[in-house]
Amino acid sequence: MQVKICGITNMEDALCAAENGAAAVGFIFYPPSPRYINPQKAGEIIDRLPQHLVKAGVFVNETAEEIKRIYDCCHLDMIQLHGDESPEFCRQLPRDRIIKALELKNEDDLKKGSLYDVAAILVDSRHTGLYGGTGKTSNWKLARHISQPLILSGGLKEENIHEALRVVSPAALDVNSGVESSPGKKDHTKIARIMQIVNEADDGSASPVIFTRRKVYRINTDILTSLADAMPPKRSCPHFWNLKKLMTRPKKTSHLRKNLTGTGVNTRAVPRRFISPGG
């Protein structure tokens, strides 16, 4: 059972979540929230966290361009959309990185949820002017009927975690106010306790893995520098520099072999794909 500790505003709380086995931490980029954190500070925290810990950014009715900017500059792994974003809006972002939060009031909300092609649906509760973080439980009876991978949120705390797992059987949990001493400040004892309860309740059955690291391919500049240093000077070895150009242009066999003479290439073994028809 994966757990995300949301509403992180400082390094100490993030490390506590990681040390107690949380799969992910969430950073809220919505200024009206009492748990708001600016992207620069969030990025500084994220850069110092363990690699295995998934970092999620929470956005409310933000533009796709700004979401992408923060997603990249903060090195986030997941994007949680907690406002009134439409299925069409979600399609502007990478599907397997999106968590869409919904409030379920009735059957119509369930139908609406089925229209979202995202990595997971998060069911939360709302209050006037607040998108989540209300401390109120969500509609568990409706939540259990969500067809997509489900993250349960809304008023979760150690007193009701067992019942939530029994009634809903979600793939993951999202905990915020239930592990706080005050908005934006986590109670480390509560984090440890709620993680212990979840681990003890885990029966080992397979469930979808929702919180996953973003795949980022970084260029190793040290290797590139070494390769550049090893390259022979163009003047002293022109054949080396011209080889790629010769091999990638269709040539007749005789012409290609003539130009490769002296390069050390076995001209009899030139791949047929480099030779034009009739060569």
Protein backbone atom coordinates (compact mmCIF):
# COMPACT_ATOMS: atom_id res chain seq x y z
CA MET A 1 0.00 0.00 0.00
CA GLN A 2 1.53 3.28 -1.12
CA VAL A 3 1.12 6.43 0.96
CA LYS A 4 1.73 10.05 -0.02
CA ILE A 5 2.28 12.66 2.66
CA CYS A 6 0.99 15.89 1.14
CA GLY A 7 1.36 19.56 2.05
CA ILE A 8 5.13 19.44 2.62
CA THR A 9 6.63 22.87 3.37
CA ASN A 10 10.01 22.04 4.91
CA MET A 11 12.90 19.60 4.72
CA GLU A 12 12.37 18.03 8.15
CA ASP A 13 8.82 16.91 7.36
CA ALA A 14 9.84 15.54 3.95
CA LEU A 15 12.67 13.49 5.46
CA CYS A 16 10.36 12.19 8.19
CA ALA A 17 7.93 10.95 5.53
CA ALA A 18 10.75 9.21 3.67
CA GLU A 19 12.25 7.64 6.79
CA ASN A 20 8.88 6.18 7.79
CA GLY A 21 8.29 4.53 4.42
CA ALA A 22 6.07 6.97 2.53
CA ALA A 23 6.18 6.36 -1.22
CA ALA A 24 5.68 10.02 -2.11
CA VAL A 25 5.51 13.56 -0.81
CA GLY A 26 3.38 16.37 -2.20
CA PHE A 27 4.13 20.06 -2.66
CA ILE A 28 1.20 22.44 -3.08
CA PHE A 29 1.70 25.21 -5.64
CA TYR A 30 -1.61 26.96 -4.97
CA PRO A 31 -1.06 30.34 -3.23
CA PRO A 32 -4.41 30.48 -1.35
CA SER A 33 -3.57 27.21 0.43
CA PRO A 34 -2.13 27.47 3.96
CA ARG A 35 0.30 24.76 2.83
CA TYR A 36 1.53 26.67 -0.22
CA ILE A 37 5.23 26.48 -1.04
CA ASN A 38 6.95 28.53 -3.72
CA PRO A 39 8.63 26.53 -6.50
CA GLN A 40 12.13 27.73 -5.67
CA LYS A 41 11.95 26.50 -2.08
CA ALA A 42 10.30 23.25 -3.16
CA GLY A 43 13.08 22.67 -5.68
CA GLU A 44 15.74 23.17 -3.00
CA ILE A 45 14.04 20.57 -0.80
CA ILE A 46 13.49 18.11 -3.64
CA ASP A 47 17.15 18.21 -4.71
CA ARG A 48 18.16 16.97 -1.24
CA LEU A 49 15.61 14.17 -0.88
CA PRO A 50 16.30 10.45 -1.41
CA GLN A 51 16.13 9.39 -5.05
CA HIS A 52 13.53 6.66 -4.42
CA LEU A 53 11.01 9.12 -2.94
CA VAL A 54 8.41 10.25 -5.48
CA LYS A 55 7.84 14.02 -5.58
CA ALA A 56 4.40 15.27 -6.63
CA GLY A 57 3.32 18.81 -7.40
CA VAL A 58 -0.26 19.86 -6.60
CA PHE A 59 -1.85 22.46 -8.90
CA VAL A 60 -5.27 24.13 -8.89
CA ASN A 61 -6.63 25.57 -12.15
CA GLU A 62 -3.13 26.51 -13.31
CA THR A 63 -2.14 26.92 -16.96
CA ALA A 64 -0.58 23.95 -18.72
CA GLU A 65 2.49 26.04 -19.54
CA GLU A 66 3.11 26.97 -15.90
CA ILE A 67 2.55 23.39 -14.75
CA LYS A 68 5.12 22.14 -17.26
CA ARG A 69 7.58 24.83 -16.20
CA ILE A 70 7.37 23.97 -12.50
CA TYR A 71 7.31 20.24 -13.29
CA ASP A 72 10.66 20.58 -15.06
CA CYS A 73 12.42 23.17 -12.92
CA CYS A 74 11.52 21.40 -9.64
CA HIS A 75 12.30 17.92 -11.00
CA LEU A 76 8.85 16.64 -10.07
CA ASP A 77 7.78 13.05 -10.75
CA MET A 78 3.98 13.41 -10.69
CA ILE A 79 1.44 16.15 -11.44
CA GLN A 80 -1.66 16.30 -9.23
CA LEU A 81 -4.49 18.42 -10.65
CA HIS A 82 -6.74 19.43 -7.78
CA GLY A 83 -9.01 22.00 -9.41
CA ASP A 84 -11.68 22.01 -12.10
CA GLU A 85 -9.42 20.78 -14.91
CA SER A 86 -11.27 19.07 -17.76
CA PRO A 87 -10.35 15.80 -19.50
CA GLU A 88 -9.31 17.92 -22.50
CA PHE A 89 -6.97 19.98 -20.35
CA CYS A 90 -5.36 16.84 -18.93
CA ARG A 91 -4.49 15.69 -22.43
CA GLN A 92 -1.99 18.55 -22.68
CA LEU A 93 0.15 16.83 -20.05
CA PRO A 94 1.88 13.41 -19.94
CA ARG A 95 -0.86 10.90 -19.13
CA ASP A 96 1.21 8.55 -16.95
CA ARG A 97 2.31 11.47 -14.74
CA ILE A 98 -1.16 12.85 -13.95
CA ILE A 99 -3.28 12.34 -10.84
CA LYS A 100 -6.72 13.97 -11.13
CA ALA A 101 -8.49 14.89 -7.91
CA LEU A 102 -12.28 14.74 -7.79
CA GLU A 103 -14.99 15.32 -5.22
CA LEU A 104 -17.72 12.69 -5.44
CA LYS A 105 -21.20 13.87 -4.51
CA ASN A 106 -23.36 11.64 -6.69
CA GLU A 107 -23.46 9.15 -9.57
CA ASP A 108 -22.92 11.94 -12.10
CA ASP A 109 -19.53 12.66 -10.54
CA LEU A 110 -18.62 9.00 -11.00
CA LYS A 111 -19.47 9.23 -14.69
CA LYS A 112 -17.39 12.38 -14.97
CA GLY A 113 -14.44 10.60 -13.41
CA SER A 114 -14.56 7.86 -16.03
CA LEU A 115 -13.80 10.45 -18.75
CA TYR A 116 -10.31 11.14 -17.44
CA ASP A 117 -7.47 9.21 -19.07
CA VAL A 118 -4.90 9.64 -16.31
CA ALA A 119 -2.58 7.56 -14.15
CA ALA A 120 -4.96 7.68 -11.17
CA ILE A 121 -8.02 9.35 -9.69
CA LEU A 122 -7.74 10.90 -6.24
CA VAL A 123 -10.99 11.23 -4.30
CA ASP A 124 -11.02 14.12 -1.85
CA SER A 125 -13.46 16.41 -0.07
CA ARG A 126 -13.94 20.11 -0.69
CA HIS A 127 -15.15 23.06 1.30
CA THR A 128 -16.10 26.59 0.25
CA GLY A 129 -12.97 28.17 -1.22
CA LEU A 130 -10.80 25.15 -0.45
CA TYR A 131 -9.70 22.46 -2.89
CA GLY A 132 -8.80 19.66 -0.49
CA GLY A 133 -6.99 19.82 2.83
CA THR A 134 -10.31 20.35 4.61
CA GLY A 135 -9.91 17.59 7.17
CA LYS A 136 -13.30 16.18 6.15
CA THR A 137 -13.69 12.63 4.89
CA SER A 138 -14.66 12.04 1.28
CA ASN A 139 -17.53 9.88 0.02
CA TRP A 140 -16.15 6.38 0.57
CA LYS A 141 -19.20 4.55 -0.75
CA LEU A 142 -18.91 6.25 -4.13
CA ALA A 143 -15.12 6.14 -4.16
CA ARG A 144 -15.08 2.35 -4.15
CA HIS A 145 -16.77 2.39 -7.57
CA ILE A 146 -14.04 4.39 -9.33
CA SER A 147 -12.81 2.30 -12.28
CA GLN A 148 -9.32 3.82 -12.53
CA PRO A 149 -6.51 3.25 -9.99
CA LEU A 150 -7.75 5.01 -6.87
CA ILE A 151 -6.01 7.20 -4.32
CA LEU A 152 -8.17 7.88 -1.27
CA SER A 153 -7.80 11.22 0.49
CA GLY A 154 -9.84 13.52 2.69
CA GLY A 155 -9.72 13.57 6.49
CA LEU A 156 -7.62 10.42 6.81
CA LYS A 157 -6.05 9.91 10.24
CA GLU A 158 -5.01 7.03 12.46
CA GLU A 159 -8.52 6.74 13.94
CA ASN A 160 -10.20 5.98 10.60
CA ILE A 161 -7.50 4.43 8.39
CA HIS A 162 -8.58 0.83 9.13
CA GLU A 163 -12.20 1.58 8.24
CA ALA A 164 -11.18 3.44 5.07
CA LEU A 165 -9.13 0.50 3.86
CA ARG A 166 -11.93 -1.94 4.65
CA VAL A 167 -14.69 0.04 2.91
CA VAL A 168 -12.83 1.39 -0.11
CA SER A 169 -9.79 -0.85 -0.73
CA PRO A 170 -7.87 1.92 -2.53
CA ALA A 171 -4.58 1.44 -4.36
CA ALA A 172 -2.98 4.25 -2.34
CA LEU A 173 -3.63 6.82 0.37
CA ASP A 174 -3.01 10.56 0.42
CA VAL A 175 -2.66 12.02 3.92
CA ASN A 176 -2.38 15.70 4.77
CA SER A 177 -4.18 17.32 7.69
CA GLY A 178 -4.37 14.00 9.55
CA VAL A 179 -0.63 14.11 10.28
CA GLU A 180 -0.31 17.82 11.11
CA SER A 181 0.22 19.81 14.28
CA SER A 182 -0.88 22.93 12.36
CA PRO A 183 -1.47 23.69 8.66
CA GLY A 184 1.84 23.21 6.86
CA LYS A 185 3.64 21.67 9.85
CA LYS A 186 3.67 17.91 10.22
CA ASP A 187 3.55 15.96 13.46
CA HIS A 188 6.29 13.37 13.10
CA THR A 189 4.74 11.07 15.68
CA LYS A 190 1.49 11.02 13.71
CA ILE A 191 3.35 10.25 10.48
CA ALA A 192 5.14 7.32 12.11
CA ARG A 193 1.92 6.02 13.65
CA ILE A 194 -0.17 6.20 10.48
CA MET A 195 2.56 4.49 8.45
CA GLN A 196 2.73 1.73 11.05
CA ILE A 197 -1.03 1.21 10.86
CA VAL A 198 -0.97 1.02 7.06
CA ASN A 199 1.92 -1.45 7.05
CA GLU A 200 0.22 -3.67 9.62
CA ALA A 201 -3.01 -3.64 7.62
CA ASP A 202 -1.28 -4.52 4.35
CA ASP A 203 -2.25 -8.10 3.49
CA GLY A 204 0.32 -8.36 0.71
CA SER A 205 -2.25 -8.44 -2.09
CA ALA A 206 -1.21 -6.84 -5.37
CA SER A 207 -2.46 -3.34 -6.13
CA PRO A 208 -1.57 -0.85 -8.86
CA VAL A 209 1.68 1.04 -8.31
CA ILE A 210 0.71 4.67 -8.77
CA PHE A 211 3.58 6.71 -7.39
CA THR A 212 6.52 6.12 -9.72
CA ARG A 213 9.66 8.07 -10.52
CA ARG A 214 9.81 10.16 -13.64
CA LYS A 215 12.23 8.83 -16.24
CA VAL A 216 14.88 11.45 -16.89
CA TYR A 217 17.78 10.85 -19.22
CA ARG A 218 20.76 12.99 -18.32
CA ILE A 219 23.90 13.37 -20.43
CA ASN A 220 27.11 12.41 -18.65
CA THR A 221 29.29 15.38 -19.54
CA ASP A 222 32.42 13.67 -18.18
CA ILE A 223 32.04 10.86 -20.71
CA LEU A 224 31.44 13.32 -23.54
CA THR A 225 34.55 15.26 -22.56
CA SER A 226 36.62 12.07 -22.53
CA LEU A 227 35.33 11.09 -25.95
CA ALA A 228 36.09 14.53 -27.33
CA ASP A 229 39.64 14.36 -25.98
CA ALA A 230 40.11 10.95 -27.60
CA MET A 231 39.03 12.11 -31.05
CA PRO A 232 41.96 12.36 -33.49
CA PRO A 233 42.66 15.81 -34.97
CA LYS A 234 40.79 16.37 -38.19
CA ARG A 235 43.92 17.39 -40.08
CA SER A 236 45.93 14.34 -39.09
CA CYS A 237 43.14 11.84 -39.74
CA PRO A 238 40.66 13.20 -42.30
CA HIS A 239 39.38 9.72 -43.20
CA PHE A 240 38.06 9.28 -39.64
CA TRP A 241 36.00 12.45 -39.82
CA ASN A 242 34.70 11.72 -43.33
CA LEU A 243 33.76 8.10 -42.66
CA LYS A 244 30.24 8.82 -41.36
CA LYS A 245 29.50 11.06 -44.33
CA LEU A 246 30.74 8.40 -46.74
CA MET A 247 28.84 5.58 -45.08
CA THR A 248 25.50 7.36 -44.83
CA ARG A 249 25.29 8.50 -48.44
CA PRO A 250 24.14 5.90 -50.98
CA LYS A 251 27.05 5.16 -53.31
CA LYS A 252 27.86 2.64 -55.95
CA THR A 253 30.08 -0.13 -54.64
CA SER A 254 33.08 0.85 -56.72
CA HIS A 255 32.89 4.51 -55.70
CA LEU A 256 32.45 3.68 -52.01
CA ARG A 257 35.37 1.25 -51.97
CA LYS A 258 37.58 3.77 -53.73
CA ASN A 259 36.87 6.44 -51.12
CA LEU A 260 37.41 4.04 -48.22
CA THR A 261 40.83 2.94 -49.42
CA GLY A 262 43.40 3.58 -46.73
CA THR A 263 40.90 3.95 -43.90
CA GLY A 264 41.33 0.41 -42.62
CA VAL A 265 37.70 -0.48 -43.41
CA ASN A 266 37.09 -3.90 -44.98
CA THR A 267 35.41 -2.67 -48.15
CA ARG A 268 34.13 -6.14 -48.97
CA ALA A 269 32.05 -6.02 -45.78
CA VAL A 270 30.28 -2.71 -46.45
CA PRO A 271 26.59 -3.23 -45.45
CA ARG A 272 24.23 -3.42 -48.42
CA ARG A 273 22.01 -0.72 -46.90
CA PHE A 274 24.73 1.84 -47.64
CA ILE A 275 24.87 0.91 -51.35
CA SER A 276 22.38 2.18 -53.87
CA PRO A 277 20.60 -0.30 -56.21
CA GLY A 278 22.76 -1.43 -59.09
CA GLY A 279 26.02 -0.86 -57.21
